[in-house]
Amino acid sequence: ILIPSPNVTDDQQTKNAKALADIGGACMIREPELKNGRICTEVASLLGDEERRQKMEKAISGFAPLDSNKLIFDELIRLSNKK
């Protein structure tokens, strides 16, 4: 469940959260929607729906490489060796 802050430059958190929500890998709740226990309702919905959680897990697994930390590290090393 992602709750992006609209107060970030160019509303980047909302854009990133929407990208994940659009592929089915996350739920996005905008701050104004947090009234009347919305977050509790969403948490309960996710906890009670294993199939939905599995679909979300599958959807988000292809969003980024599993070894992204290694890829970033390797790129930093490559850049530092250019100096």
PDB file of N, CA and C in Angstrom:
ATOM      1  N   ILE A   1       0.868  -1.171   0.000  1.00  0.00           N
ATOM      2  CA  ILE A   1       0.000   0.000   0.000  1.00  0.00           C
ATOM      3  C   ILE A   1       0.903   1.218   0.000  1.00  0.00           C
ATOM      4  N   LEU A   2       0.777   2.028  -1.016  1.00  0.00           N
ATOM      5  CA  LEU A   2       1.597   3.220  -1.149  1.00  0.00           C
ATOM      6  C   LEU A   2       0.733   4.458  -0.936  1.00  0.00           C
ATOM      7  N   ILE A   3       1.240   5.357  -0.118  1.00  0.00           N
ATOM      8  CA  ILE A   3       0.555   6.619   0.150  1.00  0.00           C
ATOM      9  C   ILE A   3       1.537   7.733  -0.214  1.00  0.00           C
ATOM     10  N   PRO A   4       1.516   8.159  -1.462  1.00  0.00           N
ATOM     11  CA  PRO A   4       2.485   9.159  -1.899  1.00  0.00           C
ATOM     12  C   PRO A   4       2.178  10.545  -1.354  1.00  0.00           C
ATOM     13  N   SER A   5       3.247  11.261  -1.074  1.00  0.00           N
ATOM     14  CA  SER A   5       3.088  12.649  -0.637  1.00  0.00           C
ATOM     15  C   SER A   5       2.947  13.529  -1.872  1.00  0.00           C
ATOM     16  N   PRO A   6       1.913  14.342  -1.924  1.00  0.00           N
ATOM     17  CA  PRO A   6       1.759  15.252  -3.059  1.00  0.00           C
ATOM     18  C   PRO A   6       2.675  16.465  -2.954  1.00  0.00           C
ATOM     19  N   ASN A   7       3.404  16.581  -1.853  1.00  0.00           N
ATOM     20  CA  ASN A   7       4.231  17.757  -1.594  1.00  0.00           C
ATOM     21  C   ASN A   7       5.658  17.615  -2.109  1.00  0.00           C
ATOM     22  N   VAL A   8       5.920  16.590  -2.892  1.00  0.00           N
ATOM     23  CA  VAL A   8       7.246  16.368  -3.454  1.00  0.00           C
ATOM     24  C   VAL A   8       7.301  17.043  -4.823  1.00  0.00           C
ATOM     25  N   THR A   9       8.479  17.509  -5.197  1.00  0.00           N
ATOM     26  CA  THR A   9       8.652  18.204  -6.468  1.00  0.00           C
ATOM     27  C   THR A   9       8.017  17.426  -7.609  1.00  0.00           C
ATOM     28  N   ASP A  10       7.211  18.102  -8.386  1.00  0.00           N
ATOM     29  CA  ASP A  10       6.522  17.537  -9.551  1.00  0.00           C
ATOM     30  C   ASP A  10       5.663  16.318  -9.208  1.00  0.00           C
ATOM     31  N   ASP A  11       5.310  16.174  -7.942  1.00  0.00           N
ATOM     32  CA  ASP A  11       4.459  15.061  -7.500  1.00  0.00           C
ATOM     33  C   ASP A  11       5.035  13.707  -7.928  1.00  0.00           C
ATOM     34  N   GLN A  12       6.352  13.571  -7.828  1.00  0.00           N
ATOM     35  CA  GLN A  12       7.044  12.360  -8.270  1.00  0.00           C
ATOM     36  C   GLN A  12       6.601  11.105  -7.524  1.00  0.00           C
ATOM     37  N   GLN A  13       6.316  11.220  -6.221  1.00  0.00           N
ATOM     38  CA  GLN A  13       5.890  10.032  -5.478  1.00  0.00           C
ATOM     39  C   GLN A  13       4.591   9.470  -6.043  1.00  0.00           C
ATOM     40  N   THR A  14       3.680  10.349  -6.410  1.00  0.00           N
ATOM     41  CA  THR A  14       2.417   9.881  -6.989  1.00  0.00           C
ATOM     42  C   THR A  14       2.665   9.201  -8.326  1.00  0.00           C
ATOM     43  N   LYS A  15       3.524   9.776  -9.144  1.00  0.00           N
ATOM     44  CA  LYS A  15       3.831   9.174 -10.438  1.00  0.00           C
ATOM     45  C   LYS A  15       4.445   7.793 -10.271  1.00  0.00           C
ATOM     46  N   ASN A  16       5.378   7.649  -9.319  1.00  0.00           N
ATOM     47  CA  ASN A  16       6.014   6.358  -9.089  1.00  0.00           C
ATOM     48  C   ASN A  16       5.031   5.349  -8.503  1.00  0.00           C
ATOM     49  N   ALA A  17       4.227   5.781  -7.549  1.00  0.00           N
ATOM     50  CA  ALA A  17       3.235   4.881  -6.944  1.00  0.00           C
ATOM     51  C   ALA A  17       2.215   4.441  -7.985  1.00  0.00           C
ATOM     52  N   LYS A  18       1.809   5.356  -8.847  1.00  0.00           N
ATOM     53  CA  LYS A  18       0.838   5.028  -9.892  1.00  0.00           C
ATOM     54  C   LYS A  18       1.412   4.006 -10.862  1.00  0.00           C
ATOM     55  N   ALA A  19       2.701   4.133 -11.167  1.00  0.00           N
ATOM     56  CA  ALA A  19       3.336   3.172 -12.069  1.00  0.00           C
ATOM     57  C   ALA A  19       3.254   1.761 -11.491  1.00  0.00           C
ATOM     58  N   LEU A  20       3.499   1.628 -10.197  1.00  0.00           N
ATOM     59  CA  LEU A  20       3.404   0.312  -9.548  1.00  0.00           C
ATOM     60  C   LEU A  20       1.964  -0.157  -9.457  1.00  0.00           C
ATOM     61  N   ALA A  21       1.068   0.745  -9.141  1.00  0.00           N
ATOM     62  CA  ALA A  21      -0.350   0.382  -9.036  1.00  0.00           C
ATOM     63  C   ALA A  21      -0.912  -0.010 -10.407  1.00  0.00           C
ATOM     64  N   ASP A  22      -0.488   0.682 -11.443  1.00  0.00           N
ATOM     65  CA  ASP A  22      -0.994   0.403 -12.789  1.00  0.00           C
ATOM     66  C   ASP A  22      -0.621  -0.997 -13.286  1.00  0.00           C
ATOM     67  N   ILE A  23       0.516  -1.527 -12.828  1.00  0.00           N
ATOM     68  CA  ILE A  23       0.893  -2.880 -13.247  1.00  0.00           C
ATOM     69  C   ILE A  23       0.332  -3.936 -12.297  1.00  0.00           C
ATOM     70  N   GLY A  24      -0.373  -3.471 -11.254  1.00  0.00           N
ATOM     71  CA  GLY A  24      -0.988  -4.404 -10.313  1.00  0.00           C
ATOM     72  C   GLY A  24      -0.068  -4.847  -9.190  1.00  0.00           C
ATOM     73  N   GLY A  25       1.057  -4.157  -9.029  1.00  0.00           N
ATOM     74  CA  GLY A  25       2.022  -4.543  -8.012  1.00  0.00           C
ATOM     75  C   GLY A  25       1.877  -3.820  -6.689  1.00  0.00           C
ATOM     76  N   ALA A  26       0.930  -2.920  -6.584  1.00  0.00           N
ATOM     77  CA  ALA A  26       0.736  -2.159  -5.349  1.00  0.00           C
ATOM     78  C   ALA A  26      -0.654  -1.531  -5.363  1.00  0.00           C
ATOM     79  N   CYS A  27      -1.054  -1.076  -4.191  1.00  0.00           N
ATOM     80  CA  CYS A  27      -2.280  -0.287  -4.052  1.00  0.00           C
ATOM     81  C   CYS A  27      -1.831   1.129  -3.737  1.00  0.00           C
ATOM     82  N   MET A  28      -2.455   2.090  -4.340  1.00  0.00           N
ATOM     83  CA  MET A  28      -2.127   3.478  -4.058  1.00  0.00           C
ATOM     84  C   MET A  28      -3.336   4.156  -3.441  1.00  0.00           C
ATOM     85  N   ILE A  29      -3.091   4.829  -2.329  1.00  0.00           N
ATOM     86  CA  ILE A  29      -4.137   5.610  -1.677  1.00  0.00           C
ATOM     87  C   ILE A  29      -3.617   7.036  -1.574  1.00  0.00           C
ATOM     88  N   ARG A  30      -4.337   7.961  -2.129  1.00  0.00           N
ATOM     89  CA  ARG A  30      -3.942   9.372  -2.035  1.00  0.00           C
ATOM     90  C   ARG A  30      -4.290   9.892  -0.631  1.00  0.00           C
ATOM     91  N   GLU A  31      -3.506  10.837  -0.152  1.00  0.00           N
ATOM     92  CA  GLU A  31      -3.703  11.358   1.203  1.00  0.00           C
ATOM     93  C   GLU A  31      -5.147  11.765   1.495  1.00  0.00           C
ATOM     94  N   PRO A  32      -5.823  12.470   0.577  1.00  0.00           N
ATOM     95  CA  PRO A  32      -7.208  12.863   0.882  1.00  0.00           C
ATOM     96  C   PRO A  32      -8.156  11.658   1.046  1.00  0.00           C
ATOM     97  N   GLU A  33      -7.760  10.491   0.543  1.00  0.00           N
ATOM     98  CA  GLU A  33      -8.596   9.297   0.628  1.00  0.00           C
ATOM     99  C   GLU A  33      -8.414   8.532   1.939  1.00  0.00           C
ATOM    100  N   LEU A  34      -7.561   9.030   2.827  1.00  0.00           N
ATOM    101  CA  LEU A  34      -7.267   8.323   4.070  1.00  0.00           C
ATOM    102  C   LEU A  34      -8.350   8.480   5.135  1.00  0.00           C
ATOM    103  N   LYS A  35      -9.422   9.149   4.801  1.00  0.00           N
ATOM    104  CA  LYS A  35     -10.510   9.370   5.754  1.00  0.00           C
ATOM    105  C   LYS A  35     -11.324   8.102   5.937  1.00  0.00           C
ATOM    106  N   ASN A  36     -12.050   8.051   7.026  1.00  0.00           N
ATOM    107  CA  ASN A  36     -13.028   6.986   7.282  1.00  0.00           C
ATOM    108  C   ASN A  36     -12.436   5.579   7.260  1.00  0.00           C
ATOM    109  N   GLY A  37     -11.204   5.443   7.742  1.00  0.00           N
ATOM    110  CA  GLY A  37     -10.615   4.122   7.869  1.00  0.00           C
ATOM    111  C   GLY A  37     -10.227   3.450   6.576  1.00  0.00           C
ATOM    112  N   ARG A  38      -9.997   4.223   5.539  1.00  0.00           N
ATOM    113  CA  ARG A  38      -9.671   3.644   4.230  1.00  0.00           C
ATOM    114  C   ARG A  38      -8.461   2.731   4.292  1.00  0.00           C
ATOM    115  N   ILE A  39      -7.436   3.154   5.046  1.00  0.00           N
ATOM    116  CA  ILE A  39      -6.233   2.322   5.099  1.00  0.00           C
ATOM    117  C   ILE A  39      -6.534   0.989   5.779  1.00  0.00           C
ATOM    118  N   CYS A  40      -7.340   1.020   6.827  1.00  0.00           N
ATOM    119  CA  CYS A  40      -7.711  -0.225   7.519  1.00  0.00           C
ATOM    120  C   CYS A  40      -8.498  -1.144   6.592  1.00  0.00           C
ATOM    121  N   THR A  41      -9.378  -0.566   5.819  1.00  0.00           N
ATOM    122  CA  THR A  41     -10.168  -1.348   4.867  1.00  0.00           C
ATOM    123  C   THR A  41      -9.260  -2.005   3.837  1.00  0.00           C
ATOM    124  N   GLU A  42      -8.295  -1.253   3.340  1.00  0.00           N
ATOM    125  CA  GLU A  42      -7.376  -1.783   2.321  1.00  0.00           C
ATOM    126  C   GLU A  42      -6.478  -2.875   2.906  1.00  0.00           C
ATOM    127  N   VAL A  43      -5.971  -2.660   4.106  1.00  0.00           N
ATOM    128  CA  VAL A  43      -5.132  -3.678   4.759  1.00  0.00           C
ATOM    129  C   VAL A  43      -5.937  -4.954   4.968  1.00  0.00           C
ATOM    130  N   ALA A  44      -7.139  -4.824   5.497  1.00  0.00           N
ATOM    131  CA  ALA A  44      -7.995  -5.995   5.731  1.00  0.00           C
ATOM    132  C   ALA A  44      -8.290  -6.715   4.422  1.00  0.00           C
ATOM    133  N   SER A  45      -8.525  -5.957   3.368  1.00  0.00           N
ATOM    134  CA  SER A  45      -8.799  -6.550   2.061  1.00  0.00           C
ATOM    135  C   SER A  45      -7.603  -7.365   1.575  1.00  0.00           C
ATOM    136  N   LEU A  46      -6.414  -6.807   1.718  1.00  0.00           N
ATOM    137  CA  LEU A  46      -5.210  -7.524   1.292  1.00  0.00           C
ATOM    138  C   LEU A  46      -4.946  -8.756   2.152  1.00  0.00           C
ATOM    139  N   LEU A  47      -5.110  -8.609   3.442  1.00  0.00           N
ATOM    140  CA  LEU A  47      -4.878  -9.738   4.341  1.00  0.00           C
ATOM    141  C   LEU A  47      -5.844 -10.887   4.069  1.00  0.00           C
ATOM    142  N   GLY A  48      -7.028 -10.557   3.638  1.00  0.00           N
ATOM    143  CA  GLY A  48      -8.045 -11.573   3.405  1.00  0.00           C
ATOM    144  C   GLY A  48      -8.067 -12.140   2.002  1.00  0.00           C
ATOM    145  N   ASP A  49      -7.118 -11.730   1.153  1.00  0.00           N
ATOM    146  CA  ASP A  49      -7.147 -12.157  -0.240  1.00  0.00           C
ATOM    147  C   ASP A  49      -5.761 -12.613  -0.695  1.00  0.00           C
ATOM    148  N   GLU A  50      -5.453 -13.861  -0.402  1.00  0.00           N
ATOM    149  CA  GLU A  50      -4.132 -14.386  -0.746  1.00  0.00           C
ATOM    150  C   GLU A  50      -3.897 -14.381  -2.260  1.00  0.00           C
ATOM    151  N   GLU A  51      -4.919 -14.666  -3.029  1.00  0.00           N
ATOM    152  CA  GLU A  51      -4.781 -14.673  -4.478  1.00  0.00           C
ATOM    153  C   GLU A  51      -4.381 -13.282  -4.992  1.00  0.00           C
ATOM    154  N   ARG A  52      -4.995 -12.253  -4.442  1.00  0.00           N
ATOM    155  CA  ARG A  52      -4.656 -10.875  -4.842  1.00  0.00           C
ATOM    156  C   ARG A  52      -3.207 -10.558  -4.480  1.00  0.00           C
ATOM    157  N   ARG A  53      -2.785 -10.977  -3.284  1.00  0.00           N
ATOM    158  CA  ARG A  53      -1.400 -10.732  -2.863  1.00  0.00           C
ATOM    159  C   ARG A  53      -0.419 -11.451  -3.785  1.00  0.00           C
ATOM    160  N   GLN A  54      -0.752 -12.664  -4.170  1.00  0.00           N
ATOM    161  CA  GLN A  54       0.122 -13.410  -5.079  1.00  0.00           C
ATOM    162  C   GLN A  54       0.202 -12.735  -6.446  1.00  0.00           C
ATOM    163  N   LYS A  55      -0.922 -12.228  -6.926  1.00  0.00           N
ATOM    164  CA  LYS A  55      -0.922 -11.507  -8.206  1.00  0.00           C
ATOM    165  C   LYS A  55      -0.072 -10.241  -8.106  1.00  0.00           C
ATOM    166  N   MET A  56      -0.179  -9.557  -6.972  1.00  0.00           N
ATOM    167  CA  MET A  56       0.615  -8.341  -6.778  1.00  0.00           C
ATOM    168  C   MET A  56       2.105  -8.687  -6.737  1.00  0.00           C
ATOM    169  N   GLU A  57       2.430  -9.764  -6.033  1.00  0.00           N
ATOM    170  CA  GLU A  57       3.824 -10.184  -5.939  1.00  0.00           C
ATOM    171  C   GLU A  57       4.384 -10.507  -7.324  1.00  0.00           C
ATOM    172  N   LYS A  58       3.612 -11.220  -8.115  1.00  0.00           N
ATOM    173  CA  LYS A  58       4.048 -11.572  -9.458  1.00  0.00           C
ATOM    174  C   LYS A  58       4.208 -10.318 -10.324  1.00  0.00           C
ATOM    175  N   ALA A  59       3.260  -9.404 -10.223  1.00  0.00           N
ATOM    176  CA  ALA A  59       3.301  -8.181 -11.027  1.00  0.00           C
ATOM    177  C   ALA A  59       4.513  -7.321 -10.699  1.00  0.00           C
ATOM    178  N   ILE A  60       4.830  -7.208  -9.425  1.00  0.00           N
ATOM    179  CA  ILE A  60       5.932  -6.323  -9.038  1.00  0.00           C
ATOM    180  C   ILE A  60       7.291  -6.987  -9.226  1.00  0.00           C
ATOM    181  N   SER A  61       7.316  -8.322  -9.271  1.00  0.00           N
ATOM    182  CA  SER A  61       8.600  -9.014  -9.394  1.00  0.00           C
ATOM    183  C   SER A  61       9.298  -8.687 -10.703  1.00  0.00           C
ATOM    184  N   GLY A  62       8.562  -8.375 -11.744  1.00  0.00           N
ATOM    185  CA  GLY A  62       9.181  -8.036 -13.014  1.00  0.00           C
ATOM    186  C   GLY A  62       9.478  -6.563 -13.175  1.00  0.00           C
ATOM    187  N   PHE A  63       9.172  -5.787 -12.164  1.00  0.00           N
ATOM    188  CA  PHE A  63       9.328  -4.334 -12.266  1.00  0.00           C
ATOM    189  C   PHE A  63      10.784  -3.896 -12.189  1.00  0.00           C
ATOM    190  N   ALA A  64      11.568  -4.603 -11.402  1.00  0.00           N
ATOM    191  CA  ALA A  64      12.977  -4.237 -11.240  1.00  0.00           C
ATOM    192  C   ALA A  64      13.803  -5.510 -11.140  1.00  0.00           C
ATOM    193  N   PRO A  65      15.047  -5.448 -11.565  1.00  0.00           N
ATOM    194  CA  PRO A  65      15.899  -6.628 -11.465  1.00  0.00           C
ATOM    195  C   PRO A  65      16.108  -7.026 -10.007  1.00  0.00           C
ATOM    196  N   LEU A  66      16.165  -8.325  -9.760  1.00  0.00           N
ATOM    197  CA  LEU A  66      16.371  -8.806  -8.394  1.00  0.00           C
ATOM    198  C   LEU A  66      17.748  -8.427  -7.863  1.00  0.00           C
ATOM    199  N   ASP A  67      18.704  -8.265  -8.742  1.00  0.00           N
ATOM    200  CA  ASP A  67      20.061  -7.932  -8.323  1.00  0.00           C
ATOM    201  C   ASP A  67      20.379  -6.450  -8.535  1.00  0.00           C
ATOM    202  N   SER A  68      19.373  -5.606  -8.363  1.00  0.00           N
ATOM    203  CA  SER A  68      19.576  -4.175  -8.630  1.00  0.00           C
ATOM    204  C   SER A  68      20.690  -3.584  -7.770  1.00  0.00           C
ATOM    205  N   ASN A  69      20.826  -4.058  -6.522  1.00  0.00           N
ATOM    206  CA  ASN A  69      21.904  -3.523  -5.681  1.00  0.00           C
ATOM    207  C   ASN A  69      23.272  -3.833  -6.294  1.00  0.00           C
ATOM    208  N   LYS A  70      23.446  -5.025  -6.862  1.00  0.00           N
ATOM    209  CA  LYS A  70      24.708  -5.380  -7.511  1.00  0.00           C
ATOM    210  C   LYS A  70      24.914  -4.542  -8.774  1.00  0.00           C
ATOM    211  N   LEU A  71      23.850  -4.345  -9.542  1.00  0.00           N
ATOM    212  CA  LEU A  71      23.969  -3.539 -10.755  1.00  0.00           C
ATOM    213  C   LEU A  71      24.393  -2.109 -10.425  1.00  0.00           C
ATOM    214  N   ILE A  72      23.823  -1.545  -9.386  1.00  0.00           N
ATOM    215  CA  ILE A  72      24.179  -0.182  -8.963  1.00  0.00           C
ATOM    216  C   ILE A  72      25.629  -0.141  -8.491  1.00  0.00           C
ATOM    217  N   PHE A  73      26.007  -1.124  -7.678  1.00  0.00           N
ATOM    218  CA  PHE A  73      27.383  -1.195  -7.185  1.00  0.00           C
ATOM    219  C   PHE A  73      28.373  -1.291  -8.349  1.00  0.00           C
ATOM    220  N   ASP A  74      28.099  -2.195  -9.292  1.00  0.00           N
ATOM    221  CA  ASP A  74      28.979  -2.362 -10.443  1.00  0.00           C
ATOM    222  C   ASP A  74      29.100  -1.067 -11.245  1.00  0.00           C
ATOM    223  N   GLU A  75      27.987  -0.361 -11.400  1.00  0.00           N
ATOM    224  CA  GLU A  75      28.023   0.905 -12.138  1.00  0.00           C
ATOM    225  C   GLU A  75      28.842   1.956 -11.386  1.00  0.00           C
ATOM    226  N   LEU A  76      28.713   1.997 -10.072  1.00  0.00           N
ATOM    227  CA  LEU A  76      29.514   2.937  -9.281  1.00  0.00           C
ATOM    228  C   LEU A  76      31.007   2.633  -9.412  1.00  0.00           C
ATOM    229  N   ILE A  77      31.345   1.368  -9.378  1.00  0.00           N
ATOM    230  CA  ILE A  77      32.753   0.974  -9.547  1.00  0.00           C
ATOM    231  C   ILE A  77      33.240   1.386 -10.942  1.00  0.00           C
ATOM    232  N   ARG A  78      32.431   1.107 -11.952  1.00  0.00           N
ATOM    233  CA  ARG A  78      32.803   1.468 -13.323  1.00  0.00           C
ATOM    234  C   ARG A  78      33.031   2.970 -13.439  1.00  0.00           C
ATOM    235  N   LEU A  79      32.129   3.761 -12.845  1.00  0.00           N
ATOM    236  CA  LEU A  79      32.267   5.224 -12.910  1.00  0.00           C
ATOM    237  C   LEU A  79      33.485   5.703 -12.137  1.00  0.00           C
ATOM    238  N   SER A  80      33.768   5.088 -11.010  1.00  0.00           N
ATOM    239  CA  SER A  80      34.923   5.524 -10.219  1.00  0.00           C
ATOM    240  C   SER A  80      36.238   5.178 -10.896  1.00  0.00           C
ATOM    241  N   ASN A  81      36.240   4.144 -11.712  1.00  0.00           N
ATOM    242  CA  ASN A  81      37.469   3.757 -12.436  1.00  0.00           C
ATOM    243  C   ASN A  81      37.740   4.658 -13.638  1.00  0.00           C
ATOM    244  N   LYS A  82      36.765   5.457 -14.031  1.00  0.00           N
ATOM    245  CA  LYS A  82      36.958   6.378 -15.159  1.00  0.00           C
ATOM    246  C   LYS A  82      37.813   7.572 -14.775  1.00  0.00           C
ATOM    247  N   LYS A  83      37.894   7.853 -13.481  1.00  0.00           N
ATOM    248  CA  LYS A  83      38.631   9.047 -13.037  1.00  0.00           C
ATOM    249  C   LYS A  83      40.112   8.881 -13.138  1.00  0.00           C
TER     250      LYS A  83
END
